[in-house]
Every structure is written in structure tokens, then in C-alpha cells.
Amino acid sequence: NLRSNGRAVSPGYFYKTAQNWLEDGIDTPALAESRICELEKTDAF
């Protein structure tokens, strides 16, 4: 979704975000959805 909106998405960005999710215990679709909502709000701001 970021890439389709004109943002450059590198493998490093993907992997770093995945590491943060692991450290924060994001291990279910519900928690992932909540985190994505937070990220999208921060991105928009």
C-alpha cells in the first residue's frame, strides 16, 4: 500500500518493521491490524 502511494519500500524497511512487531508481540491478525492502523495514522500525520 505504501508503494502504491508512491513511497519507496526497501527490504530493510520491511525487515526492521517485522523485527519491531516480533519484539512487541504482534503475532495475531488482530494485533497486526491494530498496529497497521497506528502506522497509517502516524504516516498521515
ModelCIF file with pLDDT and N, C-alpha, C, O atoms, coordinates in Angstrom:
data_MODEL
#
_entry.id   MODEL 
#
_entity.id                         1 
_entity.type                       polymer 
_entity.pdbx_number_of_molecules   1 
#
_entity_poly.entity_id                      1 
_entity_poly.type                           'polypeptide(L)' 
_entity_poly.nstd_linkage                   no 
_entity_poly.nstd_monomer                   no 
_entity_poly.pdbx_seq_one_letter_code       NLRSNGRAVSPGYFYKTAQNWLEDGIDTPALAESRICELEKTDAF 
_entity_poly.pdbx_seq_one_letter_code_can   NLRSNGRAVSPGYFYKTAQNWLEDGIDTPALAESRICELEKTDAF 
_entity_poly.pdbx_strand_id                 A 
#
loop_
_entity_poly_seq.entity_id 
_entity_poly_seq.num 
_entity_poly_seq.mon_id 
_entity_poly_seq.hetero 
1 1  ASN n 
1 2  LEU n 
1 3  ARG n 
1 4  SER n 
1 5  ASN n 
1 6  GLY n 
1 7  ARG n 
1 8  ALA n 
1 9  VAL n 
1 10 SER n 
1 11 PRO n 
1 12 GLY n 
1 13 TYR n 
1 14 PHE n 
1 15 TYR n 
1 16 LYS n 
1 17 THR n 
1 18 ALA n 
1 19 GLN n 
1 20 ASN n 
1 21 TRP n 
1 22 LEU n 
1 23 GLU n 
1 24 ASP n 
1 25 GLY n 
1 26 ILE n 
1 27 ASP n 
1 28 THR n 
1 29 PRO n 
1 30 ALA n 
1 31 LEU n 
1 32 ALA n 
1 33 GLU n 
1 34 SER n 
1 35 ARG n 
1 36 ILE n 
1 37 CYS n 
1 38 GLU n 
1 39 LEU n 
1 40 GLU n 
1 41 LYS n 
1 42 THR n 
1 43 ASP n 
1 44 ALA n 
1 45 PHE n 
#
_struct_asym.id          A 
_struct_asym.entity_id   1 
#
loop_
_ma_qa_metric.id 
_ma_qa_metric.mode 
_ma_qa_metric.name 
_ma_qa_metric.software_group_id 
_ma_qa_metric.type 
1 global pLDDT . pLDDT 
2 local  pLDDT . pLDDT 
#
_ma_qa_metric_global.metric_id      1 
_ma_qa_metric_global.metric_value   86.96 
_ma_qa_metric_global.model_id       1 
_ma_qa_metric_global.ordinal_id     1 
#
loop_
_ma_qa_metric_local.label_asym_id 
_ma_qa_metric_local.label_comp_id 
_ma_qa_metric_local.label_seq_id 
_ma_qa_metric_local.metric_id 
_ma_qa_metric_local.metric_value 
_ma_qa_metric_local.model_id 
_ma_qa_metric_local.ordinal_id 
A ASN 1  2 86.00 1 1  
A LEU 2  2 84.00 1 2  
A ARG 3  2 82.00 1 3  
A SER 4  2 81.00 1 4  
A ASN 5  2 80.00 1 5  
A GLY 6  2 78.00 1 6  
A ARG 7  2 78.00 1 7  
A ALA 8  2 75.00 1 8  
A VAL 9  2 77.00 1 9  
A SER 10 2 79.00 1 10 
A PRO 11 2 79.00 1 11 
A GLY 12 2 81.00 1 12 
A TYR 13 2 82.00 1 13 
A PHE 14 2 85.00 1 14 
A TYR 15 2 85.00 1 15 
A LYS 16 2 85.00 1 16 
A THR 17 2 88.00 1 17 
A ALA 18 2 90.00 1 18 
A GLN 19 2 88.00 1 19 
A ASN 20 2 88.00 1 20 
A TRP 21 2 92.00 1 21 
A LEU 22 2 90.00 1 22 
A GLU 23 2 89.00 1 23 
A ASP 24 2 89.00 1 24 
A GLY 25 2 91.00 1 25 
A ILE 26 2 92.00 1 26 
A ASP 27 2 90.00 1 27 
A THR 28 2 93.00 1 28 
A PRO 29 2 93.00 1 29 
A ALA 30 2 94.00 1 30 
A LEU 31 2 94.00 1 31 
A ALA 32 2 93.00 1 32 
A GLU 33 2 94.00 1 33 
A SER 34 2 93.00 1 34 
A ARG 35 2 92.00 1 35 
A ILE 36 2 92.00 1 36 
A CYS 37 2 91.00 1 37 
A GLU 38 2 89.00 1 38 
A LEU 39 2 88.00 1 39 
A GLU 40 2 87.00 1 40 
A LYS 41 2 88.00 1 41 
A THR 42 2 88.00 1 42 
A ASP 43 2 85.00 1 43 
A ALA 44 2 86.00 1 44 
A PHE 45 2 89.00 1 45 
#
loop_
_atom_site.group_PDB 
_atom_site.id 
_atom_site.type_symbol 
_atom_site.label_atom_id 
_atom_site.label_alt_id 
_atom_site.label_comp_id 
_atom_site.label_asym_id 
_atom_site.label_entity_id 
_atom_site.label_seq_id 
_atom_site.pdbx_PDB_ins_code 
_atom_site.Cartn_x 
_atom_site.Cartn_y 
_atom_site.Cartn_z 
_atom_site.occupancy 
_atom_site.B_iso_or_equiv 
_atom_site.pdbx_formal_charge 
_atom_site.auth_seq_id 
_atom_site.auth_comp_id 
_atom_site.auth_asym_id 
_atom_site.auth_atom_id 
_atom_site.pdbx_PDB_model_num 
ATOM 1   N N  . ASN A 1 1  ? 0.829  -1.199  0.000  1.00 86.00 ? 1  ASN A N  1 
ATOM 2   C CA . ASN A 1 1  ? 0.000  0.000   0.000  1.00 86.00 ? 1  ASN A CA 1 
ATOM 3   C C  . ASN A 1 1  ? 0.869  1.257   0.000  1.00 86.00 ? 1  ASN A C  1 
ATOM 4   O O  . ASN A 1 1  ? 0.554  2.235   -0.678 1.00 86.00 ? 1  ASN A O  1 
ATOM 5   N N  . LEU A 1 2  ? 1.959  1.226   0.759  1.00 84.00 ? 2  LEU A N  1 
ATOM 6   C CA . LEU A 1 2  ? 2.888  2.353   0.759  1.00 84.00 ? 2  LEU A CA 1 
ATOM 7   C C  . LEU A 1 2  ? 3.474  2.558   -0.636 1.00 84.00 ? 2  LEU A C  1 
ATOM 8   O O  . LEU A 1 2  ? 3.553  3.684   -1.128 1.00 84.00 ? 2  LEU A O  1 
ATOM 9   N N  . ARG A 1 3  ? 3.881  1.459   -1.265 1.00 82.00 ? 3  ARG A N  1 
ATOM 10  C CA . ARG A 1 3  ? 4.497  1.556   -2.589 1.00 82.00 ? 3  ARG A CA 1 
ATOM 11  C C  . ARG A 1 3  ? 3.510  2.081   -3.623 1.00 82.00 ? 3  ARG A C  1 
ATOM 12  O O  . ARG A 1 3  ? 3.877  2.878   -4.487 1.00 82.00 ? 3  ARG A O  1 
ATOM 13  N N  . SER A 1 4  ? 2.255  1.636   -3.537 1.00 81.00 ? 4  SER A N  1 
ATOM 14  C CA . SER A 1 4  ? 1.242  2.093   -4.493 1.00 81.00 ? 4  SER A CA 1 
ATOM 15  C C  . SER A 1 4  ? 0.939  3.574   -4.326 1.00 81.00 ? 4  SER A C  1 
ATOM 16  O O  . SER A 1 4  ? 0.429  4.214   -5.246 1.00 81.00 ? 4  SER A O  1 
ATOM 17  N N  . ASN A 1 5  ? 1.256  4.126   -3.144 1.00 80.00 ? 5  ASN A N  1 
ATOM 18  C CA . ASN A 1 5  ? 1.064  5.556   -2.890 1.00 80.00 ? 5  ASN A CA 1 
ATOM 19  C C  . ASN A 1 5  ? 2.330  6.363   -3.169 1.00 80.00 ? 5  ASN A C  1 
ATOM 20  O O  . ASN A 1 5  ? 2.452  7.512   -2.744 1.00 80.00 ? 5  ASN A O  1 
ATOM 21  N N  . GLY A 1 6  ? 3.261  5.756   -3.879 1.00 78.00 ? 6  GLY A N  1 
ATOM 22  C CA . GLY A 1 6  ? 4.450  6.474   -4.300 1.00 78.00 ? 6  GLY A CA 1 
ATOM 23  C C  . GLY A 1 6  ? 5.614  6.451   -3.339 1.00 78.00 ? 6  GLY A C  1 
ATOM 24  O O  . GLY A 1 6  ? 6.595  7.166   -3.540 1.00 78.00 ? 6  GLY A O  1 
ATOM 25  N N  . ARG A 1 7  ? 5.526  5.647   -2.303 1.00 78.00 ? 7  ARG A N  1 
ATOM 26  C CA . ARG A 1 7  ? 6.602  5.567   -1.317 1.00 78.00 ? 7  ARG A CA 1 
ATOM 27  C C  . ARG A 1 7  ? 7.578  4.456   -1.686 1.00 78.00 ? 7  ARG A C  1 
ATOM 28  O O  . ARG A 1 7  ? 7.167  3.393   -2.150 1.00 78.00 ? 7  ARG A O  1 
ATOM 29  N N  . ALA A 1 8  ? 8.858  4.699   -1.483 1.00 75.00 ? 8  ALA A N  1 
ATOM 30  C CA . ALA A 1 8  ? 9.866  3.667   -1.721 1.00 75.00 ? 8  ALA A CA 1 
ATOM 31  C C  . ALA A 1 8  ? 9.904  2.729   -0.514 1.00 75.00 ? 8  ALA A C  1 
ATOM 32  O O  . ALA A 1 8  ? 10.062 3.173   0.623  1.00 75.00 ? 8  ALA A O  1 
ATOM 33  N N  . VAL A 1 9  ? 9.759  1.447   -0.770 1.00 77.00 ? 9  VAL A N  1 
ATOM 34  C CA . VAL A 1 9  ? 9.755  0.455   0.305  1.00 77.00 ? 9  VAL A CA 1 
ATOM 35  C C  . VAL A 1 9  ? 10.925 -0.495  0.071  1.00 77.00 ? 9  VAL A C  1 
ATOM 36  O O  . VAL A 1 9  ? 10.923 -1.263  -0.891 1.00 77.00 ? 9  VAL A O  1 
ATOM 37  N N  . SER A 1 10 ? 11.908 -0.443  0.937  1.00 79.00 ? 10 SER A N  1 
ATOM 38  C CA . SER A 1 10 ? 13.085 -1.295  0.796  1.00 79.00 ? 10 SER A CA 1 
ATOM 39  C C  . SER A 1 10 ? 12.925 -2.565  1.632  1.00 79.00 ? 10 SER A C  1 
ATOM 40  O O  . SER A 1 10 ? 12.125 -2.592  2.567  1.00 79.00 ? 10 SER A O  1 
ATOM 41  N N  . PRO A 1 11 ? 13.678 -3.613  1.304  1.00 79.00 ? 11 PRO A N  1 
ATOM 42  C CA . PRO A 1 11 ? 13.667 -4.809  2.144  1.00 79.00 ? 11 PRO A CA 1 
ATOM 43  C C  . PRO A 1 11 ? 14.085 -4.493  3.584  1.00 79.00 ? 11 PRO A C  1 
ATOM 44  O O  . PRO A 1 11 ? 13.576 -5.089  4.533  1.00 79.00 ? 11 PRO A O  1 
ATOM 45  N N  . GLY A 1 12 ? 15.021 -3.543  3.732  1.00 81.00 ? 12 GLY A N  1 
ATOM 46  C CA . GLY A 1 12 ? 15.457 -3.156  5.069  1.00 81.00 ? 12 GLY A CA 1 
ATOM 47  C C  . GLY A 1 12 ? 14.317 -2.592  5.900  1.00 81.00 ? 12 GLY A C  1 
ATOM 48  O O  . GLY A 1 12 ? 14.210 -2.889  7.090  1.00 81.00 ? 12 GLY A O  1 
ATOM 49  N N  . TYR A 1 13 ? 13.454 -1.771  5.277  1.00 82.00 ? 13 TYR A N  1 
ATOM 50  C CA . TYR A 1 13 ? 12.301 -1.202  5.984  1.00 82.00 ? 13 TYR A CA 1 
ATOM 51  C C  . TYR A 1 13 ? 11.344 -2.319  6.402  1.00 82.00 ? 13 TYR A C  1 
ATOM 52  O O  . TYR A 1 13 ? 10.855 -2.347  7.532  1.00 82.00 ? 13 TYR A O  1 
ATOM 53  N N  . PHE A 1 14 ? 11.087 -3.242  5.463  1.00 85.00 ? 14 PHE A N  1 
ATOM 54  C CA . PHE A 1 14 ? 10.183 -4.362  5.768  1.00 85.00 ? 14 PHE A CA 1 
ATOM 55  C C  . PHE A 1 14 ? 10.720 -5.180  6.939  1.00 85.00 ? 14 PHE A C  1 
ATOM 56  O O  . PHE A 1 14 ? 9.981  -5.497  7.872  1.00 85.00 ? 14 PHE A O  1 
ATOM 57  N N  . TYR A 1 15 ? 12.011 -5.520  6.888  1.00 85.00 ? 15 TYR A N  1 
ATOM 58  C CA . TYR A 1 15 ? 12.581 -6.392  7.915  1.00 85.00 ? 15 TYR A CA 1 
ATOM 59  C C  . TYR A 1 15 ? 12.648 -5.691  9.264  1.00 85.00 ? 15 TYR A C  1 
ATOM 60  O O  . TYR A 1 15 ? 12.391 -6.310  10.297 1.00 85.00 ? 15 TYR A O  1 
ATOM 61  N N  . LYS A 1 16 ? 12.992 -4.401  9.266  1.00 85.00 ? 16 LYS A N  1 
ATOM 62  C CA . LYS A 1 16 ? 13.050 -3.654  10.519 1.00 85.00 ? 16 LYS A CA 1 
ATOM 63  C C  . LYS A 1 16 ? 11.663 -3.575  11.155 1.00 85.00 ? 16 LYS A C  1 
ATOM 64  O O  . LYS A 1 16 ? 11.525 -3.719  12.370 1.00 85.00 ? 16 LYS A O  1 
ATOM 65  N N  . THR A 1 17 ? 10.641 -3.346  10.335 1.00 88.00 ? 17 THR A N  1 
ATOM 66  C CA . THR A 1 17 ? 9.271  -3.307  10.852 1.00 88.00 ? 17 THR A CA 1 
ATOM 67  C C  . THR A 1 17 ? 8.873  -4.670  11.409 1.00 88.00 ? 17 THR A C  1 
ATOM 68  O O  . THR A 1 17 ? 8.224  -4.755  12.452 1.00 88.00 ? 17 THR A O  1 
ATOM 69  N N  . ALA A 1 18 ? 9.263  -5.731  10.714 1.00 90.00 ? 18 ALA A N  1 
ATOM 70  C CA . ALA A 1 18 ? 8.959  -7.082  11.192 1.00 90.00 ? 18 ALA A CA 1 
ATOM 71  C C  . ALA A 1 18 ? 9.638  -7.349  12.533 1.00 90.00 ? 18 ALA A C  1 
ATOM 72  O O  . ALA A 1 18 ? 9.040  -7.965  13.415 1.00 90.00 ? 18 ALA A O  1 
ATOM 73  N N  . GLN A 1 19 ? 10.884 -6.893  12.695 1.00 88.00 ? 19 GLN A N  1 
ATOM 74  C CA . GLN A 1 19 ? 11.588 -7.051  13.968 1.00 88.00 ? 19 GLN A CA 1 
ATOM 75  C C  . GLN A 1 19 ? 10.849 -6.334  15.095 1.00 88.00 ? 19 GLN A C  1 
ATOM 76  O O  . GLN A 1 19 ? 10.708 -6.870  16.195 1.00 88.00 ? 19 GLN A O  1 
ATOM 77  N N  . ASN A 1 20 ? 10.384 -5.132  14.815 1.00 88.00 ? 20 ASN A N  1 
ATOM 78  C CA . ASN A 1 20 ? 9.633  -4.375  15.828 1.00 88.00 ? 20 ASN A CA 1 
ATOM 79  C C  . ASN A 1 20 ? 8.356  -5.110  16.222 1.00 88.00 ? 20 ASN A C  1 
ATOM 80  O O  . ASN A 1 20 ? 7.986  -5.137  17.395 1.00 88.00 ? 20 ASN A O  1 
ATOM 81  N N  . TRP A 1 21 ? 7.691  -5.699  15.247 1.00 92.00 ? 21 TRP A N  1 
ATOM 82  C CA . TRP A 1 21 ? 6.469  -6.453  15.538 1.00 92.00 ? 21 TRP A CA 1 
ATOM 83  C C  . TRP A 1 21 ? 6.785  -7.659  16.422 1.00 92.00 ? 21 TRP A C  1 
ATOM 84  O O  . TRP A 1 21 ? 6.050  -7.958  17.362 1.00 92.00 ? 21 TRP A O  1 
ATOM 85  N N  . LEU A 1 22 ? 7.872  -8.341  16.116 1.00 90.00 ? 22 LEU A N  1 
ATOM 86  C CA . LEU A 1 22 ? 8.252  -9.506  16.916 1.00 90.00 ? 22 LEU A CA 1 
ATOM 87  C C  . LEU A 1 22 ? 8.547  -9.108  18.354 1.00 90.00 ? 22 LEU A C  1 
ATOM 88  O O  . LEU A 1 22 ? 8.105  -9.769  19.294 1.00 90.00 ? 22 LEU A O  1 
ATOM 89  N N  . GLU A 1 23 ? 9.296  -8.024  18.517 1.00 89.00 ? 23 GLU A N  1 
ATOM 90  C CA . GLU A 1 23 ? 9.650  -7.562  19.858 1.00 89.00 ? 23 GLU A CA 1 
ATOM 91  C C  . GLU A 1 23 ? 8.426  -7.108  20.649 1.00 89.00 ? 23 GLU A C  1 
ATOM 92  O O  . GLU A 1 23 ? 8.385  -7.227  21.873 1.00 89.00 ? 23 GLU A O  1 
ATOM 93  N N  . ASP A 1 24 ? 7.426  -6.583  19.929 1.00 89.00 ? 24 ASP A N  1 
ATOM 94  C CA . ASP A 1 24 ? 6.210  -6.100  20.595 1.00 89.00 ? 24 ASP A CA 1 
ATOM 95  C C  . ASP A 1 24 ? 5.130  -7.174  20.702 1.00 89.00 ? 24 ASP A C  1 
ATOM 96  O O  . ASP A 1 24 ? 4.024  -6.903  21.170 1.00 89.00 ? 24 ASP A O  1 
ATOM 97  N N  . GLY A 1 25 ? 5.452  -8.389  20.268 1.00 91.00 ? 25 GLY A N  1 
ATOM 98  C CA . GLY A 1 25 ? 4.488  -9.484  20.402 1.00 91.00 ? 25 GLY A CA 1 
ATOM 99  C C  . GLY A 1 25 ? 3.329  -9.411  19.437 1.00 91.00 ? 25 GLY A C  1 
ATOM 100 O O  . GLY A 1 25 ? 2.245  -9.906  19.745 1.00 91.00 ? 25 GLY A O  1 
ATOM 101 N N  . ILE A 1 26 ? 3.526  -8.805  18.268 1.00 92.00 ? 26 ILE A N  1 
ATOM 102 C CA . ILE A 1 26 ? 2.461  -8.744  17.262 1.00 92.00 ? 26 ILE A CA 1 
ATOM 103 C C  . ILE A 1 26 ? 2.436  -10.091 16.544 1.00 92.00 ? 26 ILE A C  1 
ATOM 104 O O  . ILE A 1 26 ? 3.165  -10.294 15.573 1.00 92.00 ? 26 ILE A O  1 
ATOM 105 N N  . ASP A 1 27 ? 1.604  -11.002 17.019 1.00 90.00 ? 27 ASP A N  1 
ATOM 106 C CA . ASP A 1 27 ? 1.619  -12.361 16.487 1.00 90.00 ? 27 ASP A CA 1 
ATOM 107 C C  . ASP A 1 27 ? 0.233  -12.886 16.125 1.00 90.00 ? 27 ASP A C  1 
ATOM 108 O O  . ASP A 1 27 ? 0.052  -14.090 15.947 1.00 90.00 ? 27 ASP A O  1 
ATOM 109 N N  . THR A 1 28 ? -0.751 -11.984 16.013 1.00 93.00 ? 28 THR A N  1 
ATOM 110 C CA . THR A 1 28 ? -2.077 -12.376 15.561 1.00 93.00 ? 28 THR A CA 1 
ATOM 111 C C  . THR A 1 28 ? -2.576 -11.340 14.550 1.00 93.00 ? 28 THR A C  1 
ATOM 112 O O  . THR A 1 28 ? -2.142 -10.189 14.580 1.00 93.00 ? 28 THR A O  1 
ATOM 113 N N  . PRO A 1 29 ? -3.487 -11.744 13.652 1.00 93.00 ? 29 PRO A N  1 
ATOM 114 C CA . PRO A 1 29 ? -4.025 -10.781 12.689 1.00 93.00 ? 29 PRO A CA 1 
ATOM 115 C C  . PRO A 1 29 ? -4.669 -9.568  13.360 1.00 93.00 ? 29 PRO A C  1 
ATOM 116 O O  . PRO A 1 29 ? -4.575 -8.453  12.847 1.00 93.00 ? 29 PRO A O  1 
ATOM 117 N N  . ALA A 1 30 ? -5.323 -9.781  14.505 1.00 94.00 ? 30 ALA A N  1 
ATOM 118 C CA . ALA A 1 30 ? -5.970 -8.661  15.201 1.00 94.00 ? 30 ALA A CA 1 
ATOM 119 C C  . ALA A 1 30 ? -4.934 -7.640  15.680 1.00 94.00 ? 30 ALA A C  1 
ATOM 120 O O  . ALA A 1 30 ? -5.118 -6.435  15.511 1.00 94.00 ? 30 ALA A O  1 
ATOM 121 N N  . LEU A 1 31 ? -3.845 -8.133  16.280 1.00 94.00 ? 31 LEU A N  1 
ATOM 122 C CA . LEU A 1 31 ? -2.788 -7.225  16.740 1.00 94.00 ? 31 LEU A CA 1 
ATOM 123 C C  . LEU A 1 31 ? -2.103 -6.551  15.557 1.00 94.00 ? 31 LEU A C  1 
ATOM 124 O O  . LEU A 1 31 ? -1.734 -5.379  15.631 1.00 94.00 ? 31 LEU A O  1 
ATOM 125 N N  . ALA A 1 32 ? -1.933 -7.298  14.463 1.00 93.00 ? 32 ALA A N  1 
ATOM 126 C CA . ALA A 1 32 ? -1.322 -6.722  13.268 1.00 93.00 ? 32 ALA A CA 1 
ATOM 127 C C  . ALA A 1 32 ? -2.199 -5.610  12.696 1.00 93.00 ? 32 ALA A C  1 
ATOM 128 O O  . ALA A 1 32 ? -1.694 -4.566  12.282 1.00 93.00 ? 32 ALA A O  1 
ATOM 129 N N  . GLU A 1 33 ? -3.511 -5.836  12.674 1.00 94.00 ? 33 GLU A N  1 
ATOM 130 C CA . GLU A 1 33 ? -4.445 -4.821  12.169 1.00 94.00 ? 33 GLU A CA 1 
ATOM 131 C C  . GLU A 1 33 ? -4.380 -3.559  13.014 1.00 94.00 ? 33 GLU A C  1 
ATOM 132 O O  . GLU A 1 33 ? -4.389 -2.448  12.483 1.00 94.00 ? 33 GLU A O  1 
ATOM 133 N N  . SER A 1 34 ? -4.313 -3.734  14.339 1.00 93.00 ? 34 SER A N  1 
ATOM 134 C CA . SER A 1 34 ? -4.221 -2.586  15.240 1.00 93.00 ? 34 SER A CA 1 
ATOM 135 C C  . SER A 1 34 ? -2.924 -1.807  14.995 1.00 93.00 ? 34 SER A C  1 
ATOM 136 O O  . SER A 1 34 ? -2.932 -0.576  14.962 1.00 93.00 ? 34 SER A O  1 
ATOM 137 N N  . ARG A 1 35 ? -1.815 -2.526  14.825 1.00 92.00 ? 35 ARG A N  1 
ATOM 138 C CA . ARG A 1 35 ? -0.539 -1.858  14.597 1.00 92.00 ? 35 ARG A CA 1 
ATOM 139 C C  . ARG A 1 35 ? -0.530 -1.128  13.246 1.00 92.00 ? 35 ARG A C  1 
ATOM 140 O O  . ARG A 1 35 ? 0.006  -0.025  13.138 1.00 92.00 ? 35 ARG A O  1 
ATOM 141 N N  . ILE A 1 36 ? -1.117 -1.741  12.234 1.00 92.00 ? 36 ILE A N  1 
ATOM 142 C CA . ILE A 1 36 ? -1.171 -1.105  10.919 1.00 92.00 ? 36 ILE A CA 1 
ATOM 143 C C  . ILE A 1 36 ? -1.982 0.187   10.987 1.00 92.00 ? 36 ILE A C  1 
ATOM 144 O O  . ILE A 1 36 ? -1.622 1.179   10.353 1.00 92.00 ? 36 ILE A O  1 
ATOM 145 N N  . CYS A 1 37 ? -3.074 0.181   11.752 1.00 91.00 ? 37 CYS A N  1 
ATOM 146 C CA . CYS A 1 37 ? -3.868 1.403   11.929 1.00 91.00 ? 37 CYS A CA 1 
ATOM 147 C C  . CYS A 1 37 ? -3.026 2.512   12.565 1.00 91.00 ? 37 CYS A C  1 
ATOM 148 O O  . CYS A 1 37 ? -3.099 3.671   12.157 1.00 91.00 ? 37 CYS A O  1 
ATOM 149 N N  . GLU A 1 38 ? -2.226 2.141   13.572 1.00 89.00 ? 38 GLU A N  1 
ATOM 150 C CA . GLU A 1 38 ? -1.348 3.120   14.220 1.00 89.00 ? 38 GLU A CA 1 
ATOM 151 C C  . GLU A 1 38 ? -0.324 3.670   13.221 1.00 89.00 ? 38 GLU A C  1 
ATOM 152 O O  . GLU A 1 38 ? -0.067 4.873   13.173 1.00 89.00 ? 38 GLU A O  1 
ATOM 153 N N  . LEU A 1 39 ? 0.248  2.772   12.437 1.00 88.00 ? 39 LEU A N  1 
ATOM 154 C CA . LEU A 1 39 ? 1.251  3.190   11.458 1.00 88.00 ? 39 LEU A CA 1 
ATOM 155 C C  . LEU A 1 39 ? 0.644  4.122   10.415 1.00 88.00 ? 39 LEU A C  1 
ATOM 156 O O  . LEU A 1 39 ? 1.253  5.124   10.039 1.00 88.00 ? 39 LEU A O  1 
ATOM 157 N N  . GLU A 1 40 ? -0.550 3.789   9.954  1.00 87.00 ? 40 GLU A N  1 
ATOM 158 C CA . GLU A 1 40 ? -1.200 4.619   8.937  1.00 87.00 ? 40 GLU A CA 1 
ATOM 159 C C  . GLU A 1 40 ? -1.536 5.999   9.481  1.00 87.00 ? 40 GLU A C  1 
ATOM 160 O O  . GLU A 1 40 ? -1.415 6.996   8.769  1.00 87.00 ? 40 GLU A O  1 
ATOM 161 N N  . LYS A 1 41 ? -1.960 6.061   10.750 1.00 88.00 ? 41 LYS A N  1 
ATOM 162 C CA . LYS A 1 41 ? -2.246 7.374   11.361 1.00 88.00 ? 41 LYS A CA 1 
ATOM 163 C C  . LYS A 1 41 ? -0.973 8.203   11.467 1.00 88.00 ? 41 LYS A C  1 
ATOM 164 O O  . LYS A 1 41 ? -0.975 9.396   11.167 1.00 88.00 ? 41 LYS A O  1 
ATOM 165 N N  . THR A 1 42 ? 0.118  7.564   11.898 1.00 88.00 ? 42 THR A N  1 
ATOM 166 C CA . THR A 1 42 ? 1.390  8.280   12.002 1.00 88.00 ? 42 THR A CA 1 
ATOM 167 C C  . THR A 1 42 ? 1.878  8.719   10.628 1.00 88.00 ? 42 THR A C  1 
ATOM 168 O O  . THR A 1 42 ? 2.408  9.819   10.473 1.00 88.00 ? 42 THR A O  1 
ATOM 169 N N  . ASP A 1 43 ? 1.697  7.848   9.627  1.00 85.00 ? 43 ASP A N  1 
ATOM 170 C CA . ASP A 1 43 ? 2.106  8.197   8.263  1.00 85.00 ? 43 ASP A CA 1 
ATOM 171 C C  . ASP A 1 43 ? 1.343  9.412   7.757  1.00 85.00 ? 43 ASP A C  1 
ATOM 172 O O  . ASP A 1 43 ? 1.924  10.318  7.161  1.00 85.00 ? 43 ASP A O  1 
ATOM 173 N N  . ALA A 1 44 ? 0.033  9.424   8.000  1.00 86.00 ? 44 ALA A N  1 
ATOM 174 C CA . ALA A 1 44 ? -0.786 10.550  7.548  1.00 86.00 ? 44 ALA A CA 1 
ATOM 175 C C  . ALA A 1 44 ? -0.384 11.842  8.261  1.00 86.00 ? 44 ALA A C  1 
ATOM 176 O O  . ALA A 1 44 ? -0.300 12.902  7.641  1.00 86.00 ? 44 ALA A O  1 
ATOM 177 N N  . PHE A 1 45 ? -0.136 11.741  9.568  1.00 89.00 ? 45 PHE A N  1 
ATOM 178 C CA . PHE A 1 45 ? 0.287  12.924  10.319 1.00 89.00 ? 45 PHE A CA 1 
ATOM 179 C C  . PHE A 1 45 ? 1.651  13.406  9.826  1.00 89.00 ? 45 PHE A C  1 
ATOM 180 O O  . PHE A 1 45 ? 2.178  14.395  10.337 1.00 89.00 ? 45 PHE A O  1 
#
